[in-house]
Amino acid sequence: MSIESSLVTLLKTVCPRVYTDFAPVLTTRPYVTFQGIGGQVINPLENTVPNKRNAVIQVNVWADTRVSANTVIQQIEDAIRTSSAFTGRPQSAPMNDFDADIPVYRSMQDFTIWGDR
């Protein structure tokens, strides 16, 4: 199973509404979005294709309150740290944001994840 499909399965254990990149307009909150923002490349000296890959993933939780957003991102961090589908670790502490135009709260955190291609 790929990193992305394993991550979606894992994230849905914390929040049933999970979307890559962005969510549809008027999605019920809380919900989770994520996107790849880089990662390390494995370059074997034997000119072979590696069976593992690394991805740096930004996970965003969108919620009606700061407390809700923080609670869900902490549950996600715990789930990623303890996953048996891949090895994942946070690269930063959660960051908070607020969009007054909507209004919506966001907690976001970056994770490095090693898993199968």
C-alpha atoms as a PDB file:
ATOM      1  CA  MET A   1       0.000   0.000   0.000  1.00  0.00           C
ATOM      2  CA  SER A   2       1.337   3.482  -0.858  1.00  0.00           C
ATOM      3  CA  ILE A   3       2.118   6.150   1.725  1.00  0.00           C
ATOM      4  CA  GLU A   4      -0.827   8.250   0.573  1.00  0.00           C
ATOM      5  CA  SER A   5      -3.418   5.475   0.729  1.00  0.00           C
ATOM      6  CA  SER A   6      -2.092   4.319   4.116  1.00  0.00           C
ATOM      7  CA  LEU A   7      -2.223   7.910   5.379  1.00  0.00           C
ATOM      8  CA  VAL A   8      -5.822   8.409   4.226  1.00  0.00           C
ATOM      9  CA  THR A   9      -6.872   5.206   6.001  1.00  0.00           C
ATOM     10  CA  LEU A  10      -5.099   6.323   9.175  1.00  0.00           C
ATOM     11  CA  LEU A  11      -6.454   9.887   9.113  1.00  0.00           C
ATOM     12  CA  LYS A  12     -10.016   8.598   8.687  1.00  0.00           C
ATOM     13  CA  THR A  13      -9.677   6.780  12.026  1.00  0.00           C
ATOM     14  CA  VAL A  14      -9.328  10.218  13.626  1.00  0.00           C
ATOM     15  CA  CYS A  15     -11.705  12.242  11.419  1.00  0.00           C
ATOM     16  CA  PRO A  16     -14.008  10.759   8.750  1.00  0.00           C
ATOM     17  CA  ARG A  17     -13.699  13.791   6.445  1.00  0.00           C
ATOM     18  CA  VAL A  18     -10.239  13.626   4.813  1.00  0.00           C
ATOM     19  CA  TYR A  19      -9.288  15.298   1.524  1.00  0.00           C
ATOM     20  CA  THR A  20      -6.125  15.688  -0.519  1.00  0.00           C
ATOM     21  CA  ASP A  21      -5.177  19.320  -1.149  1.00  0.00           C
ATOM     22  CA  PHE A  22      -8.564  20.958  -0.462  1.00  0.00           C
ATOM     23  CA  ALA A  23     -12.090  20.123   0.693  1.00  0.00           C
ATOM     24  CA  PRO A  24     -15.332  20.857  -1.128  1.00  0.00           C
ATOM     25  CA  VAL A  25     -17.034  24.139  -0.239  1.00  0.00           C
ATOM     26  CA  LEU A  26     -19.336  23.857   2.801  1.00  0.00           C
ATOM     27  CA  THR A  27     -17.706  20.649   4.096  1.00  0.00           C
ATOM     28  CA  THR A  28     -18.797  19.962   7.666  1.00  0.00           C
ATOM     29  CA  ARG A  29     -16.062  20.782  10.168  1.00  0.00           C
ATOM     30  CA  PRO A  30     -13.854  19.475  11.554  1.00  0.00           C
ATOM     31  CA  TYR A  31     -12.185  18.067   8.482  1.00  0.00           C
ATOM     32  CA  VAL A  32      -8.628  17.249   7.419  1.00  0.00           C
ATOM     33  CA  THR A  33      -6.674  18.148   4.300  1.00  0.00           C
ATOM     34  CA  PHE A  34      -3.144  17.125   3.456  1.00  0.00           C
ATOM     35  CA  GLN A  35      -0.568  17.608   0.740  1.00  0.00           C
ATOM     36  CA  GLY A  36       2.936  16.490  -0.034  1.00  0.00           C
ATOM     37  CA  ILE A  37       5.492  19.255   0.402  1.00  0.00           C
ATOM     38  CA  GLY A  38       8.699  17.373  -0.404  1.00  0.00           C
ATOM     39  CA  GLY A  39      10.772  14.610   1.086  1.00  0.00           C
ATOM     40  CA  GLN A  40      14.123  12.881   0.844  1.00  0.00           C
ATOM     41  CA  VAL A  41      15.115  10.952  -2.257  1.00  0.00           C
ATOM     42  CA  ILE A  42      16.724   7.507  -2.121  1.00  0.00           C
ATOM     43  CA  ASN A  43      19.337   7.038  -4.854  1.00  0.00           C
ATOM     44  CA  PRO A  44      20.847   3.523  -4.696  1.00  0.00           C
ATOM     45  CA  LEU A  45      24.371   3.269  -6.066  1.00  0.00           C
ATOM     46  CA  GLU A  46      23.394   0.091  -7.948  1.00  0.00           C
ATOM     47  CA  ASN A  47      21.028   2.058 -10.270  1.00  0.00           C
ATOM     48  CA  THR A  48      18.027   0.156  -8.937  1.00  0.00           C
ATOM     49  CA  VAL A  49      14.586   1.391  -8.006  1.00  0.00           C
ATOM     50  CA  PRO A  50      14.168   1.656  -4.216  1.00  0.00           C
ATOM     51  CA  ASN A  51      11.215  -0.102  -2.589  1.00  0.00           C
ATOM     52  CA  LYS A  52      10.752   2.672   0.008  1.00  0.00           C
ATOM     53  CA  ARG A  53      10.113   6.368  -0.271  1.00  0.00           C
ATOM     54  CA  ASN A  54       9.971   9.390   1.963  1.00  0.00           C
ATOM     55  CA  ALA A  55       7.347  12.085   1.916  1.00  0.00           C
ATOM     56  CA  VAL A  56       7.022  15.260   3.917  1.00  0.00           C
ATOM     57  CA  ILE A  57       3.310  15.786   4.384  1.00  0.00           C
ATOM     58  CA  GLN A  58       1.548  18.879   5.695  1.00  0.00           C
ATOM     59  CA  VAL A  59      -1.634  17.960   7.560  1.00  0.00           C
ATOM     60  CA  ASN A  60      -4.267  20.646   8.142  1.00  0.00           C
ATOM     61  CA  VAL A  61      -7.223  20.439  10.509  1.00  0.00           C
ATOM     62  CA  TRP A  62     -10.066  22.884   9.862  1.00  0.00           C
ATOM     63  CA  ALA A  63     -12.536  23.418  12.704  1.00  0.00           C
ATOM     64  CA  ASP A  64     -15.053  25.821  14.227  1.00  0.00           C
ATOM     65  CA  THR A  65     -12.951  26.375  17.369  1.00  0.00           C
ATOM     66  CA  ARG A  66      -9.259  26.523  18.239  1.00  0.00           C
ATOM     67  CA  VAL A  67      -9.746  23.818  20.872  1.00  0.00           C
ATOM     68  CA  SER A  68     -11.314  21.458  18.336  1.00  0.00           C
ATOM     69  CA  ALA A  69      -8.559  22.045  15.765  1.00  0.00           C
ATOM     70  CA  ASN A  70      -5.836  21.493  18.382  1.00  0.00           C
ATOM     71  CA  THR A  71      -7.503  18.356  19.725  1.00  0.00           C
ATOM     72  CA  VAL A  72      -7.756  16.738  16.289  1.00  0.00           C
ATOM     73  CA  ILE A  73      -4.188  17.611  15.230  1.00  0.00           C
ATOM     74  CA  GLN A  74      -2.872  16.072  18.475  1.00  0.00           C
ATOM     75  CA  GLN A  75      -4.871  12.894  17.801  1.00  0.00           C
ATOM     76  CA  ILE A  76      -3.407  12.820  14.287  1.00  0.00           C
ATOM     77  CA  GLU A  77       0.144  13.220  15.611  1.00  0.00           C
ATOM     78  CA  ASP A  78      -0.422  10.348  18.036  1.00  0.00           C
ATOM     79  CA  ALA A  79      -1.867   8.146  15.276  1.00  0.00           C
ATOM     80  CA  ILE A  80       1.010   8.867  12.868  1.00  0.00           C
ATOM     81  CA  ARG A  81       3.643   8.213  15.563  1.00  0.00           C
ATOM     82  CA  THR A  82       2.115   4.822  16.413  1.00  0.00           C
ATOM     83  CA  SER A  83       1.182   3.673  12.894  1.00  0.00           C
ATOM     84  CA  SER A  84       2.150   0.158  11.865  1.00  0.00           C
ATOM     85  CA  ALA A  85       1.580   0.965   8.155  1.00  0.00           C
ATOM     86  CA  PHE A  86       4.575   3.327   7.913  1.00  0.00           C
ATOM     87  CA  THR A  87       7.112   5.188  10.045  1.00  0.00           C
ATOM     88  CA  GLY A  88       6.056   8.775  10.665  1.00  0.00           C
ATOM     89  CA  ARG A  89       7.393  11.545  12.873  1.00  0.00           C
ATOM     90  CA  PRO A  90       6.487  15.216  13.263  1.00  0.00           C
ATOM     91  CA  GLN A  91       8.949  17.707  11.832  1.00  0.00           C
ATOM     92  CA  SER A  92       7.481  20.603  13.762  1.00  0.00           C
ATOM     93  CA  ALA A  93       5.013  21.400  16.487  1.00  0.00           C
ATOM     94  CA  PRO A  94       1.496  22.310  15.335  1.00  0.00           C
ATOM     95  CA  MET A  95       0.958  25.849  14.062  1.00  0.00           C
ATOM     96  CA  ASN A  96      -2.334  27.704  14.408  1.00  0.00           C
ATOM     97  CA  ASP A  97      -4.147  29.984  11.996  1.00  0.00           C
ATOM     98  CA  PHE A  98      -7.513  31.709  11.689  1.00  0.00           C
ATOM     99  CA  ASP A  99      -9.372  32.892   8.602  1.00  0.00           C
ATOM    100  CA  ALA A 100     -11.766  35.631   9.681  1.00  0.00           C
ATOM    101  CA  ASP A 101     -13.510  35.757   6.278  1.00  0.00           C
ATOM    102  CA  ILE A 102     -15.026  32.276   6.670  1.00  0.00           C
ATOM    103  CA  PRO A 103     -14.493  32.122   9.853  1.00  0.00           C
ATOM    104  CA  VAL A 104     -12.515  28.935  10.460  1.00  0.00           C
ATOM    105  CA  TYR A 105      -9.641  27.812  12.664  1.00  0.00           C
ATOM    106  CA  ARG A 106      -6.745  25.749  11.341  1.00  0.00           C
ATOM    107  CA  SER A 107      -4.051  23.704  13.027  1.00  0.00           C
ATOM    108  CA  MET A 108      -1.311  22.446  10.705  1.00  0.00           C
ATOM    109  CA  GLN A 109       1.690  20.220  11.220  1.00  0.00           C
ATOM    110  CA  ASP A 110       4.410  18.749   8.990  1.00  0.00           C
ATOM    111  CA  PHE A 111       5.357  15.068   9.188  1.00  0.00           C
ATOM    112  CA  THR A 112       8.113  13.027   7.598  1.00  0.00           C
ATOM    113  CA  ILE A 113       6.827   9.596   6.588  1.00  0.00           C
ATOM    114  CA  TRP A 114       8.815   6.585   5.354  1.00  0.00           C
ATOM    115  CA  GLY A 115       6.885   3.806   3.685  1.00  0.00           C
ATOM    116  CA  ASP A 116       6.449   1.546   0.685  1.00  0.00           C
ATOM    117  CA  ARG A 117       6.410   2.994  -2.803  1.00  0.00           C
END
